[in-house]
Amino acid sequence: MLVIQNLVLRRGSWQRRYDLQAESAAIMTIQGRSGAGKSALLAAIAGFEPVAAGDIQWQGQSLLSLPIEQRPVSMLFQEHNLFEHLSVAQNLKLGLKFASEATQQTALQQAAEALEITAYLRKMPQELSGGQRQRVALLRTILRPEPIILLDEPFAELDAYTREIAAQWVRATAKAAHKTVLLVTHQNEDVERLADHNVIFE
């Protein structure tokens, strides 16, 4: 279970307090107005946002003392953050660094087919459109071994058709791997397709 307990984030005059729990292997969607602290919460869980007070616990252990690289978290930022000097396939394999080569290839091929990016695997990120880059970054984030997945507007640049198949793939893959997912979205359709629980920040 992921527990956010009496957590306080502060930036200048802005302050936000959080208390919530996400069950293991559950998908929680988060909605709310701009500035309500949705992205800030994800960043704090991942270790990119300083915590003023409170605690973040995973399976009963605090994450606050862990450096970013040791946290059990895989996060998709709105900026996608692909490595521009690596091909699409190489970017995706970064998420499978603990798997055997055969397992890597199988997982990579299945994921690429699911989100219809097989034709782009040998391309470089700068050759892709915004929506294509977003699909690659989403696949890489989900395929990583960490048990907590943080997704900040993961479908924002996708058309309606691709958004639907991406949402279906995220839910099926996360459930099969028993991942705990926190997903920020402004779209009610994402909540309907994905969420076990939905939280609205005021």
N, C-alpha and C. Protein backbone atom coordinates (compact mmCIF):
# COMPACT_ATOMS: atom_id res chain seq x y z
N MET A 1 0.83 -1.20 0.00
CA MET A 1 0.00 0.00 0.00
C MET A 1 0.87 1.25 0.00
N LEU A 2 0.46 2.23 -0.78
CA LEU A 2 1.12 3.53 -0.79
C LEU A 2 0.32 4.48 0.10
N VAL A 3 0.97 5.04 1.11
CA VAL A 3 0.29 5.89 2.08
C VAL A 3 0.92 7.28 2.07
N ILE A 4 0.11 8.28 1.81
CA ILE A 4 0.52 9.68 1.89
C ILE A 4 -0.11 10.24 3.17
N GLN A 5 0.73 10.54 4.16
CA GLN A 5 0.23 10.85 5.50
C GLN A 5 0.66 12.25 5.94
N ASN A 6 -0.33 13.12 6.13
CA ASN A 6 -0.07 14.48 6.61
C ASN A 6 1.04 15.17 5.81
N LEU A 7 1.07 14.91 4.52
CA LEU A 7 2.14 15.43 3.67
C LEU A 7 1.90 16.90 3.35
N VAL A 8 2.92 17.71 3.52
CA VAL A 8 2.84 19.13 3.21
C VAL A 8 3.91 19.47 2.18
N LEU A 9 3.48 20.08 1.08
CA LEU A 9 4.40 20.60 0.07
C LEU A 9 4.25 22.11 0.04
N ARG A 10 5.38 22.80 -0.14
CA ARG A 10 5.34 24.26 -0.05
C ARG A 10 6.29 24.86 -1.08
N ARG A 11 5.77 25.83 -1.84
CA ARG A 11 6.59 26.61 -2.78
C ARG A 11 6.24 28.07 -2.58
N GLY A 12 7.08 28.82 -1.92
CA GLY A 12 6.78 30.22 -1.67
C GLY A 12 5.50 30.36 -0.88
N SER A 13 4.52 31.08 -1.44
CA SER A 13 3.24 31.27 -0.76
C SER A 13 2.26 30.12 -1.02
N TRP A 14 2.61 29.23 -1.93
CA TRP A 14 1.74 28.09 -2.24
C TRP A 14 1.99 26.96 -1.27
N GLN A 15 0.93 26.36 -0.75
CA GLN A 15 1.07 25.22 0.16
C GLN A 15 -0.08 24.26 -0.07
N ARG A 16 0.23 22.98 0.02
CA ARG A 16 -0.81 21.96 -0.17
C ARG A 16 -0.58 20.82 0.83
N ARG A 17 -1.66 20.34 1.45
CA ARG A 17 -1.59 19.20 2.37
C ARG A 17 -2.31 18.01 1.73
N TYR A 18 -1.72 16.82 1.91
CA TYR A 18 -2.26 15.61 1.30
C TYR A 18 -2.42 14.50 2.34
N ASP A 19 -3.50 13.76 2.23
CA ASP A 19 -3.71 12.53 2.97
C ASP A 19 -4.48 11.58 2.06
N LEU A 20 -3.83 10.51 1.63
CA LEU A 20 -4.53 9.53 0.80
C LEU A 20 -3.80 8.20 0.84
N GLN A 21 -4.50 7.16 0.42
CA GLN A 21 -3.93 5.82 0.37
C GLN A 21 -4.29 5.18 -0.97
N ALA A 22 -3.32 4.46 -1.53
CA ALA A 22 -3.57 3.69 -2.75
C ALA A 22 -3.21 2.24 -2.47
N GLU A 23 -4.17 1.36 -2.64
CA GLU A 23 -3.92 -0.06 -2.40
C GLU A 23 -2.90 -0.60 -3.40
N SER A 24 -2.17 -1.62 -2.98
CA SER A 24 -1.24 -2.28 -3.89
C SER A 24 -2.01 -2.83 -5.09
N ALA A 25 -1.44 -2.66 -6.27
CA ALA A 25 -2.02 -3.14 -7.53
C ALA A 25 -3.30 -2.42 -7.92
N ALA A 26 -3.56 -1.26 -7.32
CA ALA A 26 -4.74 -0.46 -7.68
C ALA A 26 -4.33 0.68 -8.60
N ILE A 27 -5.30 1.16 -9.38
CA ILE A 27 -5.08 2.33 -10.23
C ILE A 27 -5.92 3.47 -9.69
N MET A 28 -5.24 4.54 -9.28
CA MET A 28 -5.91 5.73 -8.76
C MET A 28 -5.73 6.87 -9.74
N THR A 29 -6.82 7.44 -10.20
CA THR A 29 -6.74 8.64 -11.02
C THR A 29 -6.90 9.87 -10.13
N ILE A 30 -6.25 10.95 -10.53
CA ILE A 30 -6.28 12.19 -9.76
C ILE A 30 -6.70 13.32 -10.70
N GLN A 31 -7.73 14.04 -10.31
CA GLN A 31 -8.22 15.17 -11.08
C GLN A 31 -8.24 16.42 -10.21
N GLY A 32 -8.44 17.56 -10.85
CA GLY A 32 -8.50 18.82 -10.11
C GLY A 32 -8.06 19.98 -10.98
N ARG A 33 -8.33 21.17 -10.50
CA ARG A 33 -7.99 22.37 -11.25
C ARG A 33 -6.47 22.55 -11.33
N SER A 34 -6.02 23.39 -12.25
CA SER A 34 -4.60 23.72 -12.35
C SER A 34 -4.15 24.40 -11.07
N GLY A 35 -2.97 24.01 -10.59
CA GLY A 35 -2.45 24.58 -9.36
C GLY A 35 -2.91 23.90 -8.10
N ALA A 36 -3.70 22.82 -8.23
CA ALA A 36 -4.20 22.12 -7.05
C ALA A 36 -3.17 21.19 -6.44
N GLY A 37 -2.05 20.98 -7.13
CA GLY A 37 -0.97 20.18 -6.56
C GLY A 37 -0.92 18.74 -7.03
N LYS A 38 -1.52 18.45 -8.16
CA LYS A 38 -1.54 17.08 -8.67
C LYS A 38 -0.14 16.63 -9.10
N SER A 39 0.48 17.41 -9.98
CA SER A 39 1.82 17.07 -10.45
C SER A 39 2.84 17.15 -9.33
N ALA A 40 2.66 18.09 -8.42
CA ALA A 40 3.58 18.23 -7.29
C ALA A 40 3.59 16.98 -6.42
N LEU A 41 2.42 16.38 -6.23
CA LEU A 41 2.36 15.15 -5.43
C LEU A 41 3.15 14.03 -6.09
N LEU A 42 2.96 13.84 -7.39
CA LEU A 42 3.72 12.80 -8.09
C LEU A 42 5.22 13.04 -7.96
N ALA A 43 5.62 14.30 -8.14
CA ALA A 43 7.04 14.64 -8.05
C ALA A 43 7.58 14.37 -6.65
N ALA A 44 6.78 14.62 -5.62
CA ALA A 44 7.22 14.36 -4.25
C ALA A 44 7.40 12.87 -4.00
N ILE A 45 6.48 12.06 -4.50
CA ILE A 45 6.61 10.61 -4.34
C ILE A 45 7.88 10.11 -5.00
N ALA A 46 8.18 10.65 -6.18
CA ALA A 46 9.37 10.23 -6.92
C ALA A 46 10.66 10.80 -6.34
N GLY A 47 10.55 11.85 -5.52
CA GLY A 47 11.74 12.44 -4.91
C GLY A 47 12.21 13.72 -5.55
N PHE A 48 11.44 14.26 -6.49
CA PHE A 48 11.84 15.48 -7.18
C PHE A 48 11.30 16.76 -6.54
N GLU A 49 10.40 16.62 -5.60
CA GLU A 49 9.77 17.76 -4.93
C GLU A 49 10.08 17.68 -3.44
N PRO A 50 10.66 18.73 -2.84
CA PRO A 50 10.96 18.69 -1.40
C PRO A 50 9.69 18.61 -0.56
N VAL A 51 9.77 17.87 0.52
CA VAL A 51 8.64 17.68 1.43
C VAL A 51 8.85 18.53 2.67
N ALA A 52 7.86 19.37 2.99
CA ALA A 52 7.96 20.25 4.16
C ALA A 52 7.60 19.53 5.44
N ALA A 53 6.66 18.58 5.37
CA ALA A 53 6.23 17.84 6.56
C ALA A 53 5.48 16.60 6.11
N GLY A 54 5.30 15.65 7.03
CA GLY A 54 4.54 14.45 6.74
C GLY A 54 5.41 13.33 6.21
N ASP A 55 4.75 12.30 5.65
CA ASP A 55 5.48 11.12 5.23
C ASP A 55 4.84 10.49 3.99
N ILE A 56 5.68 9.76 3.25
CA ILE A 56 5.25 8.95 2.12
C ILE A 56 5.76 7.54 2.40
N GLN A 57 4.86 6.58 2.51
CA GLN A 57 5.25 5.22 2.85
C GLN A 57 4.80 4.24 1.78
N TRP A 58 5.67 3.27 1.52
CA TRP A 58 5.34 2.17 0.63
C TRP A 58 5.55 0.86 1.38
N GLN A 59 4.51 0.08 1.47
CA GLN A 59 4.55 -1.19 2.21
C GLN A 59 5.10 -1.01 3.62
N GLY A 60 4.69 0.09 4.25
CA GLY A 60 5.05 0.35 5.64
C GLY A 60 6.38 1.02 5.87
N GLN A 61 7.13 1.29 4.81
CA GLN A 61 8.45 1.91 4.95
C GLN A 61 8.45 3.30 4.30
N SER A 62 9.06 4.26 5.00
CA SER A 62 9.11 5.63 4.48
C SER A 62 10.04 5.71 3.27
N LEU A 63 9.62 6.49 2.28
CA LEU A 63 10.45 6.71 1.10
C LEU A 63 11.30 7.97 1.21
N LEU A 64 11.02 8.80 2.21
CA LEU A 64 11.64 10.12 2.24
C LEU A 64 13.15 10.09 2.40
N SER A 65 13.67 9.06 3.05
CA SER A 65 15.12 8.99 3.24
C SER A 65 15.84 8.37 2.05
N LEU A 66 15.07 7.86 1.09
CA LEU A 66 15.69 7.20 -0.06
C LEU A 66 16.01 8.21 -1.16
N PRO A 67 17.19 8.11 -1.77
CA PRO A 67 17.48 8.96 -2.92
C PRO A 67 16.59 8.56 -4.10
N ILE A 68 16.49 9.46 -5.06
CA ILE A 68 15.59 9.25 -6.19
C ILE A 68 15.81 7.90 -6.86
N GLU A 69 17.07 7.54 -7.10
CA GLU A 69 17.36 6.32 -7.86
C GLU A 69 17.03 5.05 -7.09
N GLN A 70 16.81 5.14 -5.79
CA GLN A 70 16.48 3.96 -5.00
C GLN A 70 14.99 3.83 -4.68
N ARG A 71 14.20 4.80 -5.09
CA ARG A 71 12.77 4.73 -4.80
C ARG A 71 12.09 3.74 -5.77
N PRO A 72 11.10 3.01 -5.28
CA PRO A 72 10.44 1.99 -6.11
C PRO A 72 9.42 2.59 -7.07
N VAL A 73 9.88 3.56 -7.85
CA VAL A 73 8.98 4.42 -8.62
C VAL A 73 9.45 4.55 -10.07
N SER A 74 8.52 4.46 -10.99
CA SER A 74 8.77 4.80 -12.39
C SER A 74 7.80 5.91 -12.76
N MET A 75 8.31 7.05 -13.23
CA MET A 75 7.46 8.22 -13.44
C MET A 75 7.53 8.71 -14.88
N LEU A 76 6.36 9.01 -15.43
CA LEU A 76 6.27 9.64 -16.74
C LEU A 76 5.96 11.12 -16.55
N PHE A 77 6.89 11.96 -16.98
CA PHE A 77 6.69 13.40 -16.91
C PHE A 77 5.91 13.88 -18.13
N GLN A 78 5.35 15.07 -18.04
CA GLN A 78 4.65 15.64 -19.18
C GLN A 78 5.60 15.90 -20.34
N GLU A 79 6.90 16.07 -20.04
CA GLU A 79 7.88 16.38 -21.09
C GLU A 79 8.41 15.14 -21.79
N HIS A 80 7.97 13.94 -21.36
CA HIS A 80 8.32 12.66 -21.98
C HIS A 80 9.73 12.20 -21.62
N ASN A 81 10.76 13.05 -21.75
CA ASN A 81 12.12 12.72 -21.34
C ASN A 81 12.70 11.47 -21.99
N LEU A 82 12.64 11.41 -23.29
CA LEU A 82 13.32 10.34 -24.02
C LEU A 82 14.79 10.72 -24.21
N PHE A 83 15.63 9.70 -24.36
CA PHE A 83 17.04 9.95 -24.65
C PHE A 83 17.19 10.13 -26.16
N GLU A 84 17.55 11.35 -26.56
CA GLU A 84 17.55 11.70 -27.98
C GLU A 84 18.62 10.97 -28.78
N HIS A 85 19.68 10.50 -28.12
CA HIS A 85 20.77 9.83 -28.84
C HIS A 85 20.55 8.33 -28.98
N LEU A 86 19.42 7.83 -28.45
CA LEU A 86 19.10 6.41 -28.54
C LEU A 86 17.88 6.21 -29.44
N SER A 87 17.84 5.07 -30.12
CA SER A 87 16.67 4.76 -30.94
C SER A 87 15.47 4.48 -30.04
N VAL A 88 14.30 4.39 -30.67
CA VAL A 88 13.09 4.07 -29.91
C VAL A 88 13.24 2.73 -29.20
N ALA A 89 13.75 1.73 -29.91
CA ALA A 89 13.94 0.41 -29.29
C ALA A 89 14.90 0.48 -28.11
N GLN A 90 15.98 1.23 -28.27
CA GLN A 90 16.95 1.36 -27.18
C GLN A 90 16.34 2.09 -25.99
N ASN A 91 15.53 3.11 -26.25
CA ASN A 91 14.84 3.81 -25.16
C ASN A 91 13.93 2.85 -24.40
N LEU A 92 13.21 2.01 -25.12
CA LEU A 92 12.30 1.08 -24.47
C LEU A 92 13.04 0.01 -23.67
N LYS A 93 14.18 -0.42 -24.17
CA LYS A 93 14.93 -1.46 -23.46
C LYS A 93 15.50 -0.96 -22.14
N LEU A 94 15.60 0.34 -21.98
CA LEU A 94 16.06 0.87 -20.69
C LEU A 94 15.10 0.47 -19.58
N GLY A 95 13.86 0.29 -19.91
CA GLY A 95 12.89 -0.14 -18.91
C GLY A 95 12.97 -1.60 -18.57
N LEU A 96 13.72 -2.36 -19.37
CA LEU A 96 13.78 -3.81 -19.18
C LEU A 96 15.18 -4.26 -18.81
N LYS A 97 15.93 -3.41 -18.14
CA LYS A 97 17.35 -3.68 -17.90
C LYS A 97 17.60 -4.88 -17.01
N PHE A 98 16.58 -5.32 -16.24
CA PHE A 98 16.78 -6.45 -15.35
C PHE A 98 16.29 -7.77 -15.97
N ALA A 99 15.79 -7.72 -17.19
CA ALA A 99 15.25 -8.91 -17.83
C ALA A 99 16.28 -9.51 -18.78
N SER A 100 16.09 -10.79 -19.12
CA SER A 100 16.96 -11.44 -20.09
C SER A 100 16.70 -10.86 -21.47
N GLU A 101 17.61 -11.11 -22.39
CA GLU A 101 17.47 -10.57 -23.74
C GLU A 101 16.22 -11.11 -24.42
N ALA A 102 15.94 -12.40 -24.23
CA ALA A 102 14.76 -12.99 -24.85
C ALA A 102 13.48 -12.37 -24.27
N THR A 103 13.47 -12.17 -22.96
CA THR A 103 12.31 -11.55 -22.32
C THR A 103 12.15 -10.11 -22.78
N GLN A 104 13.27 -9.42 -22.92
CA GLN A 104 13.25 -8.04 -23.41
C GLN A 104 12.58 -7.96 -24.78
N GLN A 105 13.02 -8.83 -25.68
CA GLN A 105 12.51 -8.77 -27.05
C GLN A 105 11.02 -9.08 -27.11
N THR A 106 10.60 -10.07 -26.33
CA THR A 106 9.18 -10.44 -26.32
C THR A 106 8.32 -9.30 -25.77
N ALA A 107 8.74 -8.76 -24.63
CA ALA A 107 7.98 -7.68 -24.00
C ALA A 107 7.96 -6.44 -24.89
N LEU A 108 9.10 -6.15 -25.49
CA LEU A 108 9.20 -4.98 -26.36
C LEU A 108 8.28 -5.12 -27.57
N GLN A 109 8.30 -6.28 -28.20
CA GLN A 109 7.48 -6.49 -29.39
C GLN A 109 5.99 -6.44 -29.06
N GLN A 110 5.61 -7.08 -27.97
CA GLN A 110 4.19 -7.09 -27.58
C GLN A 110 3.70 -5.68 -27.26
N ALA A 111 4.52 -4.92 -26.53
CA ALA A 111 4.13 -3.56 -26.16
C ALA A 111 4.06 -2.66 -27.39
N ALA A 112 5.04 -2.79 -28.28
CA ALA A 112 5.06 -1.96 -29.49
C ALA A 112 3.85 -2.25 -30.37
N GLU A 113 3.48 -3.52 -30.48
CA GLU A 113 2.30 -3.88 -31.27
C GLU A 113 1.03 -3.33 -30.64
N ALA A 114 0.95 -3.40 -29.31
CA ALA A 114 -0.25 -2.94 -28.61
C ALA A 114 -0.52 -1.46 -28.84
N LEU A 115 0.55 -0.66 -28.85
CA LEU A 115 0.38 0.78 -29.04
C LEU A 115 0.74 1.23 -30.45
N GLU A 116 0.89 0.26 -31.34
CA GLU A 116 1.06 0.54 -32.77
C GLU A 116 2.27 1.43 -33.05
N ILE A 117 3.41 1.07 -32.47
CA ILE A 117 4.64 1.81 -32.75
C ILE A 117 5.74 0.90 -33.30
N THR A 118 5.38 -0.30 -33.74
CA THR A 118 6.38 -1.23 -34.26
C THR A 118 7.19 -0.61 -35.39
N ALA A 119 6.54 0.17 -36.23
CA ALA A 119 7.22 0.77 -37.38
C ALA A 119 8.24 1.83 -36.98
N TYR A 120 8.20 2.27 -35.72
CA TYR A 120 9.09 3.35 -35.28
C TYR A 120 10.27 2.86 -34.46
N LEU A 121 10.39 1.56 -34.22
CA LEU A 121 11.38 1.07 -33.27
C LEU A 121 12.81 1.44 -33.64
N ARG A 122 13.11 1.55 -34.92
CA ARG A 122 14.48 1.86 -35.34
C ARG A 122 14.70 3.36 -35.55
N LYS A 123 13.65 4.13 -35.39
CA LYS A 123 13.78 5.58 -35.57
C LYS A 123 14.37 6.23 -34.32
N MET A 124 14.83 7.48 -34.49
CA MET A 124 15.31 8.28 -33.37
C MET A 124 14.16 9.14 -32.86
N PRO A 125 14.17 9.51 -31.59
CA PRO A 125 13.06 10.30 -31.02
C PRO A 125 12.74 11.57 -31.79
N GLN A 126 13.77 12.24 -32.32
CA GLN A 126 13.52 13.50 -33.02
C GLN A 126 12.77 13.31 -34.35
N GLU A 127 12.66 12.06 -34.81
CA GLU A 127 11.91 11.77 -36.03
C GLU A 127 10.43 11.53 -35.75
N LEU A 128 10.03 11.52 -34.50
CA LEU A 128 8.66 11.18 -34.12
C LEU A 128 7.82 12.42 -33.87
N SER A 129 6.51 12.26 -34.03
CA SER A 129 5.57 13.33 -33.66
C SER A 129 5.40 13.34 -32.14
N GLY A 130 4.72 14.37 -31.65
CA GLY A 130 4.50 14.46 -30.21
C GLY A 130 3.73 13.27 -29.66
N GLY A 131 2.71 12.84 -30.37
CA GLY A 131 1.93 11.69 -29.93
C GLY A 131 2.71 10.40 -29.95
N GLN A 132 3.56 10.23 -30.97
CA GLN A 132 4.40 9.04 -31.04
C GLN A 132 5.42 9.02 -29.91
N ARG A 133 6.02 10.16 -29.62
CA ARG A 133 6.97 10.25 -28.51
C ARG A 133 6.28 9.91 -27.18
N GLN A 134 5.05 10.37 -27.04
CA GLN A 134 4.33 10.11 -25.80
C GLN A 134 4.07 8.62 -25.62
N ARG A 135 3.73 7.94 -26.70
CA ARG A 135 3.50 6.49 -26.61
C ARG A 135 4.78 5.75 -26.23
N VAL A 136 5.90 6.16 -26.81
CA VAL A 136 7.18 5.53 -26.48
C VAL A 136 7.52 5.73 -25.01
N ALA A 137 7.39 6.97 -24.53
CA ALA A 137 7.70 7.26 -23.14
C ALA A 137 6.76 6.52 -22.19
N LEU A 138 5.50 6.39 -22.57
CA LEU A 138 4.54 5.66 -21.75
C LEU A 138 4.92 4.18 -21.65
N LEU A 139 5.25 3.59 -22.78
CA LEU A 139 5.67 2.19 -22.77
C LEU A 139 6.89 2.00 -21.89
N ARG A 140 7.88 2.85 -22.04
CA ARG A 140 9.10 2.72 -21.24
C ARG A 140 8.80 2.81 -19.75
N THR A 141 7.93 3.72 -19.37
CA THR A 141 7.60 3.90 -17.95
C THR A 141 6.90 2.68 -17.38
N ILE A 142 5.93 2.15 -18.11
CA ILE A 142 5.15 1.02 -17.62
C ILE A 142 5.99 -0.26 -17.58
N LEU A 143 6.90 -0.43 -18.53
CA LEU A 143 7.67 -1.67 -18.62
C LEU A 143 8.79 -1.76 -17.60
N ARG A 144 9.10 -0.69 -16.94
CA ARG A 144 10.15 -0.74 -15.92
C ARG A 144 9.70 -1.63 -14.76
N PRO A 145 10.65 -2.16 -13.97
CA PRO A 145 10.29 -3.13 -12.93
C PRO A 145 9.73 -2.54 -11.64
N GLU A 146 9.82 -1.24 -11.45
CA GLU A 146 9.38 -0.64 -10.19
C GLU A 146 7.88 -0.86 -9.97
N PRO A 147 7.46 -1.08 -8.72
CA PRO A 147 6.05 -1.41 -8.43
C PRO A 147 5.11 -0.21 -8.43
N ILE A 148 5.63 1.01 -8.34
CA ILE A 148 4.79 2.21 -8.32
C ILE A 148 4.97 2.96 -9.64
N ILE A 149 3.87 3.22 -10.32
CA ILE A 149 3.89 3.93 -11.59
C ILE A 149 3.19 5.28 -11.41
N LEU A 150 3.87 6.35 -11.78
CA LEU A 150 3.32 7.70 -11.67
C LEU A 150 3.20 8.29 -13.08
N LEU A 151 1.99 8.63 -13.48
CA LEU A 151 1.73 9.11 -14.84
C LEU A 151 1.08 10.48 -14.79
N ASP A 152 1.76 11.47 -15.36
CA ASP A 152 1.26 12.85 -15.35
C ASP A 152 0.73 13.19 -16.74
N GLU A 153 -0.57 13.19 -16.90
CA GLU A 153 -1.23 13.45 -18.19
C GLU A 153 -0.62 12.58 -19.30
N PRO A 154 -0.65 11.25 -19.14
CA PRO A 154 0.06 10.38 -20.08
C PRO A 154 -0.53 10.31 -21.48
N PHE A 155 -1.79 10.74 -21.65
CA PHE A 155 -2.45 10.64 -22.96
C PHE A 155 -2.72 12.00 -23.59
N ALA A 156 -2.11 13.04 -23.08
CA ALA A 156 -2.48 14.41 -23.45
C ALA A 156 -2.34 14.69 -24.95
N GLU A 157 -1.36 14.09 -25.61
CA GLU A 157 -1.11 14.40 -27.02
C GLU A 157 -1.65 13.34 -27.96
N LEU A 158 -2.47 12.43 -27.45
CA LEU A 158 -2.97 11.34 -28.27
C LEU A 158 -4.37 11.65 -28.80
N ASP A 159 -4.65 11.17 -30.02
CA ASP A 159 -6.00 11.32 -30.55
C ASP A 159 -6.94 10.35 -29.83
N ALA A 160 -8.23 10.47 -30.09
CA ALA A 160 -9.22 9.70 -29.34
C ALA A 160 -9.02 8.19 -29.47
N TYR A 161 -8.72 7.73 -30.69
CA TYR A 161 -8.52 6.29 -30.91
C TYR A 161 -7.30 5.79 -30.15
N THR A 162 -6.17 6.49 -30.30
CA THR A 162 -4.94 6.06 -29.65
C THR A 162 -5.05 6.19 -28.13
N ARG A 163 -5.75 7.20 -27.67
CA ARG A 163 -5.96 7.39 -26.23
C ARG A 163 -6.68 6.17 -25.64
N GLU A 164 -7.67 5.68 -26.35
CA GLU A 164 -8.43 4.53 -25.84
C GLU A 164 -7.58 3.27 -25.79
N ILE A 165 -6.84 2.98 -26.86
CA ILE A 165 -6.03 1.76 -26.83
C ILE A 165 -4.89 1.88 -25.83
N ALA A 166 -4.35 3.09 -25.66
CA ALA A 166 -3.29 3.29 -24.67
C ALA A 166 -3.82 3.07 -23.26
N ALA A 167 -5.00 3.58 -22.98
CA ALA A 167 -5.60 3.40 -21.65
C ALA A 167 -5.86 1.93 -21.38
N GLN A 168 -6.37 1.22 -22.36
CA GLN A 168 -6.64 -0.21 -22.19
C GLN A 168 -5.34 -0.98 -21.94
N TRP A 169 -4.28 -0.61 -22.68
CA TRP A 169 -3.00 -1.28 -22.50
C TRP A 169 -2.41 -0.99 -21.12
N VAL A 170 -2.49 0.25 -20.68
CA VAL A 170 -1.96 0.61 -19.36
C VAL A 170 -2.67 -0.19 -18.27
N ARG A 171 -3.99 -0.24 -18.32
CA ARG A 171 -4.72 -0.97 -17.28
C ARG A 171 -4.39 -2.46 -17.30
N ALA A 172 -4.41 -3.07 -18.48
CA ALA A 172 -4.15 -4.51 -18.57
C ALA A 172 -2.73 -4.85 -18.11
N THR A 173 -1.76 -4.05 -18.55
CA THR A 173 -0.36 -4.32 -18.22
C THR A 173 -0.09 -4.08 -16.74
N ALA A 174 -0.61 -2.99 -16.20
CA ALA A 174 -0.41 -2.69 -14.78
C ALA A 174 -1.04 -3.76 -13.90
N LYS A 175 -2.24 -4.20 -14.26
CA LYS A 175 -2.91 -5.23 -13.47
C LYS A 175 -2.16 -6.55 -13.53
N ALA A 176 -1.69 -6.92 -14.72
CA ALA A 176 -0.97 -8.19 -14.87
C ALA A 176 0.32 -8.21 -14.07
N ALA A 177 0.96 -7.04 -13.94
CA ALA A 177 2.23 -6.94 -13.22
C ALA A 177 2.05 -6.48 -11.77
N HIS A 178 0.79 -6.33 -11.33
CA HIS A 178 0.48 -5.92 -9.96
C HIS A 178 1.12 -4.57 -9.61
N LYS A 179 1.06 -3.64 -10.53
CA LYS A 179 1.59 -2.30 -10.30
C LYS A 179 0.56 -1.42 -9.59
N THR A 180 1.06 -0.51 -8.77
CA THR A 180 0.22 0.52 -8.18
C THR A 180 0.41 1.78 -9.01
N VAL A 181 -0.69 2.32 -9.54
CA VAL A 181 -0.61 3.43 -10.49
C VAL A 181 -1.34 4.65 -9.95
N LEU A 182 -0.66 5.81 -9.99
CA LEU A 182 -1.30 7.10 -9.76
C LEU A 182 -1.23 7.86 -11.07
N LEU A 183 -2.38 8.28 -11.58
CA LEU A 183 -2.46 8.88 -12.91
C LEU A 183 -3.22 10.20 -12.84
N VAL A 184 -2.54 11.28 -13.20
CA VAL A 184 -3.16 12.60 -13.25
C VAL A 184 -3.81 12.80 -14.61
N THR A 185 -5.06 13.23 -14.62
CA THR A 185 -5.76 13.46 -15.88
C THR A 185 -6.83 14.53 -15.71
N HIS A 186 -7.13 15.22 -16.81
CA HIS A 186 -8.25 16.15 -16.84
C HIS A 186 -9.46 15.53 -17.54
N GLN A 187 -9.30 14.32 -18.05
CA GLN A 187 -10.34 13.71 -18.87
C GLN A 187 -11.15 12.67 -18.09
N ASN A 188 -12.46 12.85 -18.05
CA ASN A 188 -13.33 11.89 -17.37
C ASN A 188 -13.28 10.52 -18.04
N GLU A 189 -13.02 10.48 -19.35
CA GLU A 189 -12.94 9.21 -20.05
C GLU A 189 -11.80 8.35 -19.49
N ASP A 190 -10.70 8.97 -19.11
CA ASP A 190 -9.58 8.22 -18.54
C ASP A 190 -9.99 7.58 -17.21
N VAL A 191 -10.75 8.32 -16.43
CA VAL A 191 -11.23 7.80 -15.15
C VAL A 191 -12.11 6.58 -15.39
N GLU A 192 -13.03 6.69 -16.33
CA GLU A 192 -13.96 5.59 -16.61
C GLU A 192 -13.22 4.35 -17.12
N ARG A 193 -12.18 4.53 -17.91
CA ARG A 193 -11.48 3.40 -18.51
C ARG A 193 -10.48 2.76 -17.55
N LEU A 194 -9.93 3.54 -16.64
CA LEU A 194 -8.77 3.08 -15.89
C LEU A 194 -8.98 2.91 -14.39
N ALA A 195 -9.74 3.77 -13.78
CA ALA A 195 -9.65 3.96 -12.33
C ALA A 195 -10.34 2.87 -11.52
N ASP A 196 -9.63 2.41 -10.49
CA ASP A 196 -10.27 1.70 -9.39
C ASP A 196 -10.82 2.72 -8.38
N HIS A 197 -10.09 3.83 -8.26
CA HIS A 197 -10.50 4.92 -7.38
C HIS A 197 -10.15 6.24 -8.06
N ASN A 198 -10.97 7.26 -7.84
CA ASN A 198 -10.69 8.59 -8.37
C ASN A 198 -10.68 9.59 -7.23
N VAL A 199 -9.66 10.46 -7.23
CA VAL A 199 -9.53 11.50 -6.21
C VAL A 199 -9.58 12.85 -6.92
N ILE A 200 -10.34 13.78 -6.36
CA ILE A 200 -10.43 15.13 -6.93
C ILE A 200 -9.82 16.12 -5.95
N PHE A 201 -8.78 16.83 -6.40
CA PHE A 201 -8.15 17.87 -5.58
C PHE A 201 -8.88 19.18 -5.81
N GLU A 202 -9.26 19.82 -4.74
CA GLU A 202 -9.94 21.11 -4.82
C GLU A 202 -8.93 22.25 -4.95
